[in-house]
């Protein structure tokens, strides 16, 4: 079943063509009209006790188009770096484990943005893209505006020095290199959206 999933920190809204009974949602709502959908989004943003919401309807692409209009959209890209030793590169930002990423500059391709951001945030060079992992969506508010960020995630390979000094000027407080069997242990200190990127690449193989 084709599903769009949008993260609100560690909460989420999914859009599906029929009720998604595979997961346990706090609320289910059938799409009827635009005004009601926007009210649902606003209520979900305000009430953080609602952990998840499933909005469903037969024309999922129309619902997704209307959903996106509610937000100001921004593009971003980031990378999961795999070292030749078999370890993966993670950073810590704002007290949570994360992956290097950043906004796409005007005229920049997502692949180039991801390579640039990984280099800037982790202080490495010589890394290269292996494949696109997935695309994730999450929201945030700034100065009263609600943004929807679409992030393209790329798997990268790297054989250079395993740098562990954080780039503090980039807001990074820690750099870690972890083996695949250590990744399950980071769930408590990582965003839900980050774990989904990991599950789409490392833990699935």
N, C-alpha and C. Protein backbone atom coordinates (compact mmCIF):
# COMPACT_ATOMS: atom_id res chain seq x y z
N UNK A 1 0.85 -1.19 0.00
CA UNK A 1 0.00 0.00 0.00
C UNK A 1 0.89 1.24 0.00
N UNK A 2 0.62 2.15 -0.94
CA UNK A 2 1.39 3.38 -1.05
C UNK A 2 1.02 4.32 0.09
N UNK A 3 2.01 4.76 0.87
CA UNK A 3 1.77 5.59 2.04
C UNK A 3 2.78 6.74 2.07
N UNK A 4 2.29 7.93 2.38
CA UNK A 4 3.16 9.07 2.66
C UNK A 4 3.22 9.23 4.18
N UNK A 5 4.42 9.45 4.69
CA UNK A 5 4.60 9.59 6.14
C UNK A 5 5.35 10.88 6.42
N UNK A 6 4.79 11.69 7.31
CA UNK A 6 5.38 12.99 7.66
C UNK A 6 5.63 13.02 9.16
N UNK A 7 6.87 13.32 9.54
CA UNK A 7 7.27 13.34 10.94
C UNK A 7 7.11 14.74 11.54
N UNK A 8 6.57 14.77 12.75
CA UNK A 8 6.48 15.98 13.56
C UNK A 8 7.31 15.67 14.81
N UNK A 9 8.63 15.89 14.73
CA UNK A 9 9.57 15.39 15.73
C UNK A 9 9.38 13.87 15.83
N UNK A 10 9.00 13.36 17.01
CA UNK A 10 8.84 11.90 17.13
C UNK A 10 7.38 11.47 17.04
N UNK A 11 6.54 12.32 16.45
CA UNK A 11 5.15 11.96 16.12
C UNK A 11 5.02 11.97 14.61
N UNK A 12 3.91 11.44 14.10
CA UNK A 12 3.80 11.41 12.64
C UNK A 12 2.36 11.33 12.16
N UNK A 13 2.17 11.82 10.93
CA UNK A 13 0.92 11.67 10.19
C UNK A 13 1.21 10.83 8.95
N UNK A 14 0.37 9.86 8.66
CA UNK A 14 0.48 9.12 7.41
C UNK A 14 -0.76 9.37 6.57
N UNK A 15 -0.54 9.33 5.26
CA UNK A 15 -1.62 9.46 4.28
C UNK A 15 -1.65 8.17 3.47
N UNK A 16 -2.80 7.51 3.44
CA UNK A 16 -2.90 6.21 2.77
C UNK A 16 -4.23 6.10 2.04
N UNK A 17 -4.32 5.20 1.04
CA UNK A 17 -5.57 5.07 0.26
C UNK A 17 -6.71 4.40 1.04
N UNK A 18 -6.38 3.70 2.10
CA UNK A 18 -7.37 3.07 2.98
C UNK A 18 -6.79 3.03 4.38
N UNK A 19 -7.61 2.77 5.39
CA UNK A 19 -7.06 2.77 6.77
C UNK A 19 -5.87 1.82 6.89
N UNK A 20 -4.79 2.33 7.45
CA UNK A 20 -3.58 1.54 7.62
C UNK A 20 -3.66 0.78 8.94
N UNK A 21 -4.20 -0.42 8.88
CA UNK A 21 -4.39 -1.22 10.09
C UNK A 21 -3.12 -1.97 10.50
N UNK A 22 -2.05 -1.84 9.72
CA UNK A 22 -0.82 -2.54 10.05
C UNK A 22 -0.12 -1.91 11.24
N UNK A 23 -0.39 -0.63 11.48
CA UNK A 23 0.19 0.06 12.62
C UNK A 23 -0.91 0.51 13.56
N UNK A 24 -0.56 0.75 14.81
CA UNK A 24 -1.52 1.24 15.79
C UNK A 24 -1.47 2.77 15.80
N UNK A 25 -2.54 3.38 15.32
CA UNK A 25 -2.61 4.84 15.28
C UNK A 25 -3.48 5.36 16.42
N UNK A 26 -3.15 6.57 16.87
CA UNK A 26 -3.98 7.21 17.88
C UNK A 26 -5.33 7.60 17.28
N UNK A 27 -5.32 8.08 16.03
CA UNK A 27 -6.53 8.54 15.37
C UNK A 27 -6.56 8.14 13.90
N UNK A 28 -7.77 7.86 13.38
CA UNK A 28 -7.99 7.64 11.95
C UNK A 28 -9.01 8.68 11.47
N UNK A 29 -8.77 9.24 10.28
CA UNK A 29 -9.74 10.18 9.70
C UNK A 29 -9.82 9.96 8.19
N UNK A 30 -11.04 9.88 7.68
CA UNK A 30 -11.23 9.79 6.24
C UNK A 30 -11.28 11.20 5.65
N UNK A 31 -10.55 11.41 4.58
CA UNK A 31 -10.50 12.73 3.95
C UNK A 31 -11.85 13.06 3.32
N UNK A 32 -12.37 14.25 3.65
CA UNK A 32 -13.63 14.70 3.07
C UNK A 32 -13.45 16.01 2.29
N UNK A 33 -12.81 16.97 2.94
CA UNK A 33 -12.59 18.25 2.25
C UNK A 33 -11.41 18.99 2.86
N UNK A 34 -10.91 19.94 2.10
CA UNK A 34 -9.65 20.60 2.42
C UNK A 34 -9.66 21.28 3.79
N UNK A 35 -10.74 22.01 4.08
CA UNK A 35 -10.80 22.74 5.35
C UNK A 35 -10.67 21.83 6.56
N UNK A 36 -11.33 20.68 6.50
CA UNK A 36 -11.25 19.73 7.61
C UNK A 36 -9.84 19.15 7.74
N UNK A 37 -9.20 18.90 6.60
CA UNK A 37 -7.84 18.39 6.62
C UNK A 37 -6.90 19.39 7.29
N UNK A 38 -7.02 20.66 6.94
CA UNK A 38 -6.14 21.67 7.52
C UNK A 38 -6.41 21.85 9.01
N UNK A 39 -7.67 21.70 9.43
CA UNK A 39 -7.98 21.74 10.86
C UNK A 39 -7.32 20.57 11.59
N UNK A 40 -7.33 19.40 10.96
CA UNK A 40 -6.69 18.23 11.56
C UNK A 40 -5.20 18.45 11.74
N UNK A 41 -4.56 19.02 10.71
CA UNK A 41 -3.12 19.28 10.80
C UNK A 41 -2.83 20.26 11.93
N UNK A 42 -3.62 21.35 12.00
CA UNK A 42 -3.40 22.36 13.04
C UNK A 42 -3.61 21.77 14.43
N UNK A 43 -4.64 20.94 14.59
CA UNK A 43 -4.89 20.30 15.88
C UNK A 43 -3.76 19.35 16.25
N UNK A 44 -3.25 18.62 15.26
CA UNK A 44 -2.16 17.69 15.52
C UNK A 44 -0.89 18.44 15.93
N UNK A 45 -0.62 19.56 15.26
CA UNK A 45 0.54 20.37 15.62
C UNK A 45 0.43 20.88 17.06
N UNK A 46 -0.78 21.27 17.47
CA UNK A 46 -0.96 21.89 18.78
C UNK A 46 -1.03 20.87 19.92
N UNK A 47 -1.63 19.71 19.66
CA UNK A 47 -1.84 18.71 20.71
C UNK A 47 -0.80 17.61 20.62
N UNK A 48 0.27 17.74 21.38
CA UNK A 48 1.38 16.78 21.29
C UNK A 48 1.10 15.47 22.03
N UNK A 49 -0.08 15.37 22.64
CA UNK A 49 -0.46 14.09 23.23
C UNK A 49 -0.94 13.10 22.16
N UNK A 50 -1.25 13.62 20.98
CA UNK A 50 -1.64 12.75 19.86
C UNK A 50 -0.36 12.28 19.17
N UNK A 51 -0.05 11.02 19.29
CA UNK A 51 1.23 10.51 18.80
C UNK A 51 1.23 10.19 17.31
N UNK A 52 0.05 9.85 16.76
CA UNK A 52 0.01 9.47 15.35
C UNK A 52 -1.39 9.68 14.80
N UNK A 53 -1.45 9.95 13.50
CA UNK A 53 -2.72 10.21 12.82
C UNK A 53 -2.65 9.61 11.43
N UNK A 54 -3.68 8.85 11.06
CA UNK A 54 -3.77 8.26 9.73
C UNK A 54 -4.93 8.91 8.98
N UNK A 55 -4.59 9.65 7.92
CA UNK A 55 -5.60 10.25 7.05
C UNK A 55 -5.67 9.40 5.79
N UNK A 56 -6.86 8.99 5.41
CA UNK A 56 -6.97 8.08 4.27
C UNK A 56 -8.08 8.52 3.31
N UNK A 57 -7.94 8.08 2.07
CA UNK A 57 -8.92 8.38 1.02
C UNK A 57 -8.46 7.75 -0.27
N UNK A 58 -9.38 7.53 -1.19
CA UNK A 58 -9.05 6.78 -2.41
C UNK A 58 -8.04 7.51 -3.30
N UNK A 59 -8.13 8.83 -3.39
CA UNK A 59 -7.20 9.59 -4.25
C UNK A 59 -6.05 10.11 -3.38
N UNK A 60 -5.11 9.23 -3.09
CA UNK A 60 -4.02 9.58 -2.17
C UNK A 60 -3.14 10.70 -2.71
N UNK A 61 -2.98 10.75 -4.04
CA UNK A 61 -2.11 11.79 -4.62
C UNK A 61 -2.74 13.18 -4.48
N UNK A 62 -4.07 13.24 -4.57
CA UNK A 62 -4.75 14.52 -4.37
C UNK A 62 -4.62 14.95 -2.90
N UNK A 63 -4.83 14.01 -1.98
CA UNK A 63 -4.71 14.34 -0.56
C UNK A 63 -3.30 14.84 -0.24
N UNK A 64 -2.30 14.16 -0.80
CA UNK A 64 -0.91 14.55 -0.56
C UNK A 64 -0.63 15.94 -1.13
N UNK A 65 -1.17 16.24 -2.30
CA UNK A 65 -0.99 17.56 -2.91
C UNK A 65 -1.60 18.65 -2.03
N UNK A 66 -2.82 18.40 -1.55
CA UNK A 66 -3.50 19.37 -0.69
C UNK A 66 -2.77 19.51 0.65
N UNK A 67 -2.31 18.39 1.19
CA UNK A 67 -1.56 18.39 2.45
C UNK A 67 -0.33 19.29 2.34
N UNK A 68 0.40 19.17 1.25
CA UNK A 68 1.64 19.92 1.08
C UNK A 68 1.40 21.42 0.96
N UNK A 69 0.25 21.82 0.39
CA UNK A 69 -0.05 23.23 0.21
C UNK A 69 -0.14 23.95 1.56
N UNK A 70 -0.49 23.22 2.61
CA UNK A 70 -0.60 23.80 3.95
C UNK A 70 0.74 24.34 4.43
N UNK A 71 1.83 23.78 3.93
CA UNK A 71 3.18 24.10 4.41
C UNK A 71 3.97 24.90 3.38
N UNK A 72 5.03 25.53 3.86
CA UNK A 72 6.07 26.08 2.99
C UNK A 72 7.12 24.98 2.82
N UNK A 73 7.38 24.58 1.58
CA UNK A 73 8.26 23.44 1.34
C UNK A 73 9.72 23.86 1.19
N UNK A 74 10.61 23.04 1.76
CA UNK A 74 12.05 23.24 1.61
C UNK A 74 12.68 21.88 1.28
N UNK A 75 13.78 21.94 0.54
CA UNK A 75 14.49 20.72 0.17
C UNK A 75 15.79 20.57 0.94
N UNK A 76 16.14 19.34 1.27
CA UNK A 76 17.38 19.06 1.98
C UNK A 76 17.93 17.72 1.52
N UNK A 77 19.17 17.45 1.89
CA UNK A 77 19.80 16.17 1.54
C UNK A 77 20.85 15.84 2.58
N UNK A 78 21.07 14.54 2.77
CA UNK A 78 22.05 14.11 3.76
C UNK A 78 22.59 12.74 3.42
N UNK A 79 23.50 12.25 4.27
CA UNK A 79 24.15 10.99 3.95
C UNK A 79 24.41 10.09 5.14
N UNK A 80 24.31 8.80 4.88
CA UNK A 80 24.75 7.77 5.81
C UNK A 80 26.07 7.24 5.26
N UNK A 81 27.16 7.50 5.98
CA UNK A 81 28.51 7.18 5.49
C UNK A 81 28.96 5.82 6.03
N UNK A 82 29.30 4.93 5.11
CA UNK A 82 29.83 3.61 5.49
C UNK A 82 31.33 3.59 5.25
N UNK A 83 32.09 3.38 6.32
CA UNK A 83 33.54 3.30 6.21
C UNK A 83 33.95 1.92 5.72
N UNK A 84 35.11 1.83 5.10
CA UNK A 84 35.60 0.53 4.62
C UNK A 84 35.82 -0.47 5.75
N UNK A 85 35.88 0.04 6.98
CA UNK A 85 36.02 -0.84 8.15
C UNK A 85 34.70 -1.53 8.50
N UNK A 86 33.59 -1.05 7.90
CA UNK A 86 32.28 -1.59 8.21
C UNK A 86 31.49 -0.75 9.20
N UNK A 87 32.10 0.33 9.70
CA UNK A 87 31.40 1.19 10.66
C UNK A 87 30.67 2.33 9.92
N UNK A 88 29.64 2.87 10.58
CA UNK A 88 28.84 3.95 10.01
C UNK A 88 29.00 5.22 10.84
N UNK A 89 28.95 6.35 10.15
CA UNK A 89 29.21 7.65 10.77
C UNK A 89 27.92 8.31 11.25
N UNK A 90 27.91 8.71 12.54
CA UNK A 90 26.78 9.43 13.13
C UNK A 90 27.30 10.66 13.86
N UNK A 91 26.44 11.65 13.96
CA UNK A 91 26.76 12.87 14.72
C UNK A 91 25.70 13.06 15.80
N UNK A 92 26.01 13.92 16.76
CA UNK A 92 25.03 14.29 17.77
C UNK A 92 24.77 15.79 17.66
N UNK A 93 23.47 16.13 17.52
CA UNK A 93 23.04 17.52 17.44
C UNK A 93 21.85 17.72 18.36
N UNK A 94 21.86 18.79 19.12
CA UNK A 94 20.75 19.11 20.02
C UNK A 94 20.43 17.95 20.94
N UNK A 95 21.47 17.22 21.35
CA UNK A 95 21.29 16.15 22.31
C UNK A 95 20.79 14.84 21.75
N UNK A 96 20.64 14.75 20.43
CA UNK A 96 20.16 13.52 19.81
C UNK A 96 21.10 13.07 18.70
N UNK A 97 21.20 11.74 18.55
CA UNK A 97 22.00 11.19 17.46
C UNK A 97 21.32 11.51 16.13
N UNK A 98 22.12 11.84 15.14
CA UNK A 98 21.58 12.27 13.85
C UNK A 98 22.56 11.91 12.74
N UNK A 99 22.14 12.20 11.52
CA UNK A 99 23.00 12.06 10.35
C UNK A 99 23.25 13.45 9.76
N UNK A 100 24.40 13.68 9.16
CA UNK A 100 24.67 14.98 8.55
C UNK A 100 23.72 15.26 7.40
N UNK A 101 23.17 16.46 7.39
CA UNK A 101 22.24 16.87 6.33
C UNK A 101 22.18 18.39 6.32
N UNK A 102 21.56 18.96 5.28
CA UNK A 102 21.40 20.40 5.21
C UNK A 102 20.53 20.80 4.04
N UNK A 103 20.20 22.08 4.00
CA UNK A 103 19.31 22.59 2.96
C UNK A 103 20.01 22.61 1.59
N UNK A 104 19.24 22.32 0.57
CA UNK A 104 19.73 22.38 -0.81
C UNK A 104 19.79 23.84 -1.24
N UNK A 105 20.92 24.26 -1.75
CA UNK A 105 21.08 25.63 -2.22
C UNK A 105 20.47 25.79 -3.61
N UNK A 106 20.09 27.01 -4.01
CA UNK A 106 19.48 27.22 -5.33
C UNK A 106 20.36 26.66 -6.45
N UNK A 107 19.76 25.85 -7.32
CA UNK A 107 20.48 25.27 -8.45
C UNK A 107 21.31 24.04 -8.10
N UNK A 108 21.35 23.65 -6.84
CA UNK A 108 22.16 22.52 -6.40
C UNK A 108 21.37 21.22 -6.51
N UNK A 109 22.03 20.15 -6.94
CA UNK A 109 21.41 18.84 -7.00
C UNK A 109 21.44 18.20 -5.60
N UNK A 110 20.43 17.38 -5.27
CA UNK A 110 20.43 16.72 -3.96
C UNK A 110 21.71 15.94 -3.67
N UNK A 111 22.25 15.26 -4.70
CA UNK A 111 23.47 14.48 -4.51
C UNK A 111 24.64 15.38 -4.11
N UNK A 112 24.75 16.53 -4.78
CA UNK A 112 25.85 17.45 -4.48
C UNK A 112 25.68 18.07 -3.10
N UNK A 113 24.42 18.37 -2.74
CA UNK A 113 24.14 18.91 -1.41
C UNK A 113 24.54 17.91 -0.33
N UNK A 114 24.16 16.65 -0.52
CA UNK A 114 24.48 15.63 0.48
C UNK A 114 25.98 15.48 0.67
N UNK A 115 26.73 15.44 -0.41
CA UNK A 115 28.18 15.32 -0.33
C UNK A 115 28.79 16.53 0.38
N UNK A 116 28.29 17.71 0.03
CA UNK A 116 28.80 18.94 0.64
C UNK A 116 28.51 18.98 2.14
N UNK A 117 27.28 18.67 2.52
CA UNK A 117 26.90 18.74 3.93
C UNK A 117 27.66 17.73 4.78
N UNK A 118 27.85 16.52 4.26
CA UNK A 118 28.62 15.52 5.00
C UNK A 118 30.05 16.00 5.21
N UNK A 119 30.63 16.58 4.16
CA UNK A 119 31.99 17.10 4.26
C UNK A 119 32.10 18.23 5.26
N UNK A 120 31.13 19.17 5.22
CA UNK A 120 31.17 20.32 6.11
C UNK A 120 30.91 19.93 7.57
N UNK A 121 29.93 19.05 7.78
CA UNK A 121 29.52 18.73 9.15
C UNK A 121 30.43 17.70 9.82
N UNK A 122 31.10 16.88 9.01
CA UNK A 122 31.91 15.79 9.59
C UNK A 122 33.40 15.97 9.36
N UNK A 123 33.78 16.95 8.55
CA UNK A 123 35.19 17.22 8.33
C UNK A 123 35.92 16.15 7.54
N UNK A 124 35.18 15.42 6.67
CA UNK A 124 35.83 14.39 5.84
C UNK A 124 35.80 14.80 4.38
N UNK A 125 36.62 14.15 3.58
CA UNK A 125 36.64 14.38 2.13
C UNK A 125 36.95 13.05 1.45
N UNK A 126 36.61 12.97 0.18
CA UNK A 126 36.86 11.74 -0.56
C UNK A 126 35.72 10.74 -0.48
N UNK A 127 34.62 11.09 0.17
CA UNK A 127 33.45 10.22 0.24
C UNK A 127 32.68 10.30 -1.07
N UNK A 128 31.98 9.24 -1.41
CA UNK A 128 31.22 9.20 -2.66
C UNK A 128 29.89 8.49 -2.45
N UNK A 129 28.93 8.79 -3.32
CA UNK A 129 27.59 8.23 -3.20
C UNK A 129 27.51 6.84 -3.82
N UNK A 130 26.90 5.93 -3.09
CA UNK A 130 26.64 4.58 -3.59
C UNK A 130 25.22 4.47 -4.17
N UNK A 131 24.24 4.98 -3.43
CA UNK A 131 22.86 4.91 -3.90
C UNK A 131 21.96 5.82 -3.06
N UNK A 132 20.76 6.10 -3.58
CA UNK A 132 19.73 6.79 -2.81
C UNK A 132 19.09 5.79 -1.87
N UNK A 133 19.00 6.13 -0.58
CA UNK A 133 18.37 5.24 0.40
C UNK A 133 16.86 5.42 0.38
N UNK A 134 16.42 6.66 0.63
CA UNK A 134 14.99 6.95 0.70
C UNK A 134 14.81 8.46 0.77
N UNK A 135 13.57 8.88 0.76
CA UNK A 135 13.21 10.28 0.97
C UNK A 135 12.32 10.36 2.20
N UNK A 136 12.63 11.29 3.10
CA UNK A 136 11.83 11.45 4.31
C UNK A 136 11.23 12.85 4.35
N UNK A 137 10.15 12.98 5.12
CA UNK A 137 9.46 14.27 5.28
C UNK A 137 9.31 14.56 6.76
N UNK A 138 9.61 15.78 7.15
CA UNK A 138 9.30 16.20 8.51
C UNK A 138 8.99 17.69 8.54
N UNK A 139 8.30 18.10 9.58
CA UNK A 139 7.86 19.48 9.67
C UNK A 139 8.53 20.19 10.84
N UNK A 140 8.57 21.50 10.73
CA UNK A 140 9.02 22.35 11.84
C UNK A 140 8.44 23.73 11.64
N UNK A 141 8.38 24.50 12.70
CA UNK A 141 7.85 25.87 12.63
C UNK A 141 8.95 26.87 12.96
N UNK A 142 8.94 27.97 12.24
CA UNK A 142 9.92 29.02 12.47
C UNK A 142 9.26 30.37 12.20
N UNK A 143 9.25 31.22 13.22
CA UNK A 143 8.66 32.56 13.13
C UNK A 143 7.22 32.49 12.62
N UNK A 144 6.47 31.52 13.15
CA UNK A 144 5.05 31.42 12.82
C UNK A 144 4.74 30.73 11.50
N UNK A 145 5.75 30.26 10.79
CA UNK A 145 5.53 29.59 9.51
C UNK A 145 5.78 28.10 9.68
N UNK A 146 4.88 27.28 9.13
CA UNK A 146 5.04 25.83 9.18
C UNK A 146 5.74 25.35 7.91
N UNK A 147 6.85 24.65 8.10
CA UNK A 147 7.64 24.17 6.97
C UNK A 147 7.52 22.65 6.83
N UNK A 148 7.57 22.19 5.60
CA UNK A 148 7.65 20.76 5.30
C UNK A 148 8.98 20.52 4.60
N UNK A 149 9.86 19.79 5.27
CA UNK A 149 11.19 19.54 4.71
C UNK A 149 11.23 18.15 4.06
N UNK A 150 11.60 18.12 2.79
CA UNK A 150 11.80 16.86 2.07
C UNK A 150 13.30 16.60 1.99
N UNK A 151 13.74 15.50 2.61
CA UNK A 151 15.17 15.19 2.67
C UNK A 151 15.48 13.93 1.87
N UNK A 152 16.40 14.05 0.94
CA UNK A 152 16.90 12.90 0.18
C UNK A 152 18.12 12.33 0.91
N UNK A 153 18.06 11.04 1.23
CA UNK A 153 19.14 10.39 1.98
C UNK A 153 19.93 9.47 1.07
N UNK A 154 21.27 9.60 1.12
CA UNK A 154 22.14 8.81 0.27
C UNK A 154 23.10 7.96 1.10
N UNK A 155 23.31 6.73 0.65
CA UNK A 155 24.34 5.88 1.25
C UNK A 155 25.66 6.22 0.59
N UNK A 156 26.69 6.46 1.40
CA UNK A 156 28.00 6.86 0.89
C UNK A 156 29.09 5.91 1.37
N UNK A 157 30.16 5.83 0.62
CA UNK A 157 31.32 5.05 1.04
C UNK A 157 32.50 5.99 1.28
N UNK A 158 33.37 5.56 2.20
CA UNK A 158 34.49 6.42 2.61
C UNK A 158 35.60 5.54 3.16
N UNK A 159 36.83 5.82 2.75
CA UNK A 159 37.95 5.01 3.19
C UNK A 159 39.05 5.78 3.88
N UNK A 160 38.76 7.04 4.24
CA UNK A 160 39.78 7.88 4.86
C UNK A 160 39.81 7.78 6.37
N UNK A 161 40.40 8.79 6.98
CA UNK A 161 40.55 8.83 8.44
C UNK A 161 39.18 8.89 9.12
N UNK A 162 39.03 8.11 10.18
CA UNK A 162 37.77 8.09 10.93
C UNK A 162 37.79 9.22 11.96
N UNK A 163 37.50 10.41 11.49
CA UNK A 163 37.58 11.62 12.31
C UNK A 163 36.53 11.56 13.42
N UNK A 164 36.94 11.92 14.64
CA UNK A 164 36.03 11.86 15.79
C UNK A 164 35.85 13.22 16.46
N UNK A 165 36.55 14.23 15.95
CA UNK A 165 36.42 15.57 16.53
C UNK A 165 35.17 16.25 15.97
N UNK A 166 34.22 16.66 16.81
CA UNK A 166 33.00 17.29 16.31
C UNK A 166 33.27 18.68 15.74
N UNK A 167 32.52 19.02 14.69
CA UNK A 167 32.59 20.35 14.10
C UNK A 167 31.65 21.25 14.91
N UNK A 168 32.16 21.80 16.00
CA UNK A 168 31.31 22.55 16.92
C UNK A 168 30.69 23.79 16.27
N UNK A 169 31.37 24.34 15.26
CA UNK A 169 30.82 25.51 14.58
C UNK A 169 29.58 25.14 13.77
N UNK A 170 29.37 23.84 13.53
CA UNK A 170 28.18 23.35 12.84
C UNK A 170 27.11 22.90 13.83
N UNK A 171 27.35 23.12 15.13
CA UNK A 171 26.38 22.72 16.14
C UNK A 171 26.45 21.25 16.51
N UNK A 172 27.56 20.60 16.15
CA UNK A 172 27.72 19.17 16.42
C UNK A 172 28.51 18.98 17.71
N UNK A 173 28.00 18.11 18.59
CA UNK A 173 28.63 17.90 19.89
C UNK A 173 29.35 16.56 20.00
N UNK A 174 29.11 15.64 19.06
CA UNK A 174 29.76 14.34 19.11
C UNK A 174 29.79 13.70 17.73
N UNK A 175 30.84 12.93 17.46
CA UNK A 175 30.94 12.13 16.24
C UNK A 175 31.19 10.68 16.66
N UNK A 176 30.41 9.76 16.11
CA UNK A 176 30.55 8.35 16.45
C UNK A 176 30.61 7.49 15.20
N UNK A 177 31.41 6.43 15.27
CA UNK A 177 31.47 5.42 14.21
C UNK A 177 30.96 4.11 14.81
N UNK A 178 29.85 3.59 14.29
CA UNK A 178 29.20 2.43 14.89
C UNK A 178 29.10 1.26 13.91
N UNK A 179 29.26 0.05 14.45
CA UNK A 179 29.06 -1.16 13.66
C UNK A 179 27.57 -1.45 13.53
N UNK A 180 27.16 -2.20 12.50
CA UNK A 180 25.74 -2.49 12.30
C UNK A 180 25.06 -3.10 13.52
N UNK A 181 25.76 -3.99 14.25
CA UNK A 181 25.12 -4.63 15.41
C UNK A 181 25.00 -3.70 16.61
N UNK A 182 25.57 -2.49 16.50
CA UNK A 182 25.44 -1.50 17.57
C UNK A 182 24.28 -0.54 17.32
N UNK A 183 23.70 -0.57 16.11
CA UNK A 183 22.72 0.43 15.74
C UNK A 183 21.40 0.30 16.48
N UNK A 184 21.01 -0.92 16.81
CA UNK A 184 19.77 -1.10 17.57
C UNK A 184 19.84 -0.44 18.94
N UNK A 185 21.05 -0.24 19.43
CA UNK A 185 21.23 0.33 20.77
C UNK A 185 21.04 1.85 20.81
N UNK A 186 20.92 2.49 19.64
CA UNK A 186 20.82 3.95 19.62
C UNK A 186 19.39 4.44 19.56
N UNK A 187 18.41 3.53 19.53
CA UNK A 187 17.02 3.94 19.34
C UNK A 187 16.55 4.97 20.35
N UNK A 188 16.98 4.84 21.59
CA UNK A 188 16.53 5.76 22.62
C UNK A 188 17.08 7.16 22.47
N UNK A 189 18.12 7.33 21.67
CA UNK A 189 18.76 8.63 21.52
C UNK A 189 18.72 9.12 20.08
N UNK A 190 17.76 8.61 19.30
CA UNK A 190 17.68 8.99 17.89
C UNK A 190 16.24 9.30 17.51
N UNK A 191 16.08 10.21 16.56
CA UNK A 191 14.75 10.51 16.04
C UNK A 191 14.17 9.28 15.36
N UNK A 192 12.84 9.16 15.44
CA UNK A 192 12.15 8.06 14.76
C UNK A 192 12.46 8.06 13.27
N UNK A 193 12.49 9.24 12.66
CA UNK A 193 12.77 9.34 11.22
C UNK A 193 14.16 8.83 10.89
N UNK A 194 15.13 9.05 11.80
CA UNK A 194 16.49 8.56 11.57
C UNK A 194 16.53 7.04 11.58
N UNK A 195 15.81 6.43 12.53
CA UNK A 195 15.79 4.98 12.59
C UNK A 195 15.16 4.39 11.34
N UNK A 196 14.22 5.09 10.74
CA UNK A 196 13.61 4.58 9.51
C UNK A 196 14.59 4.62 8.35
N UNK A 197 15.45 5.64 8.32
CA UNK A 197 16.50 5.69 7.30
C UNK A 197 17.45 4.51 7.49
N UNK A 198 17.84 4.27 8.74
CA UNK A 198 18.74 3.15 9.04
C UNK A 198 18.10 1.81 8.67
N UNK A 199 16.82 1.67 9.03
CA UNK A 199 16.12 0.42 8.72
C UNK A 199 16.02 0.18 7.21
N UNK A 200 15.96 1.28 6.45
CA UNK A 200 15.84 1.18 5.00
C UNK A 200 17.16 0.79 4.33
N UNK A 201 18.24 0.86 5.09
CA UNK A 201 19.55 0.60 4.47
C UNK A 201 20.34 -0.47 5.21
N UNK A 202 20.78 -0.16 6.43
CA UNK A 202 21.71 -1.04 7.14
C UNK A 202 21.02 -2.28 7.71
N UNK A 203 19.98 -2.06 8.52
CA UNK A 203 19.38 -3.16 9.26
C UNK A 203 18.58 -4.10 8.38
N UNK A 204 18.24 -3.67 7.17
CA UNK A 204 17.45 -4.50 6.27
C UNK A 204 18.34 -5.49 5.53
N UNK A 205 19.62 -5.18 5.41
CA UNK A 205 20.52 -6.03 4.64
C UNK A 205 21.12 -7.12 5.49
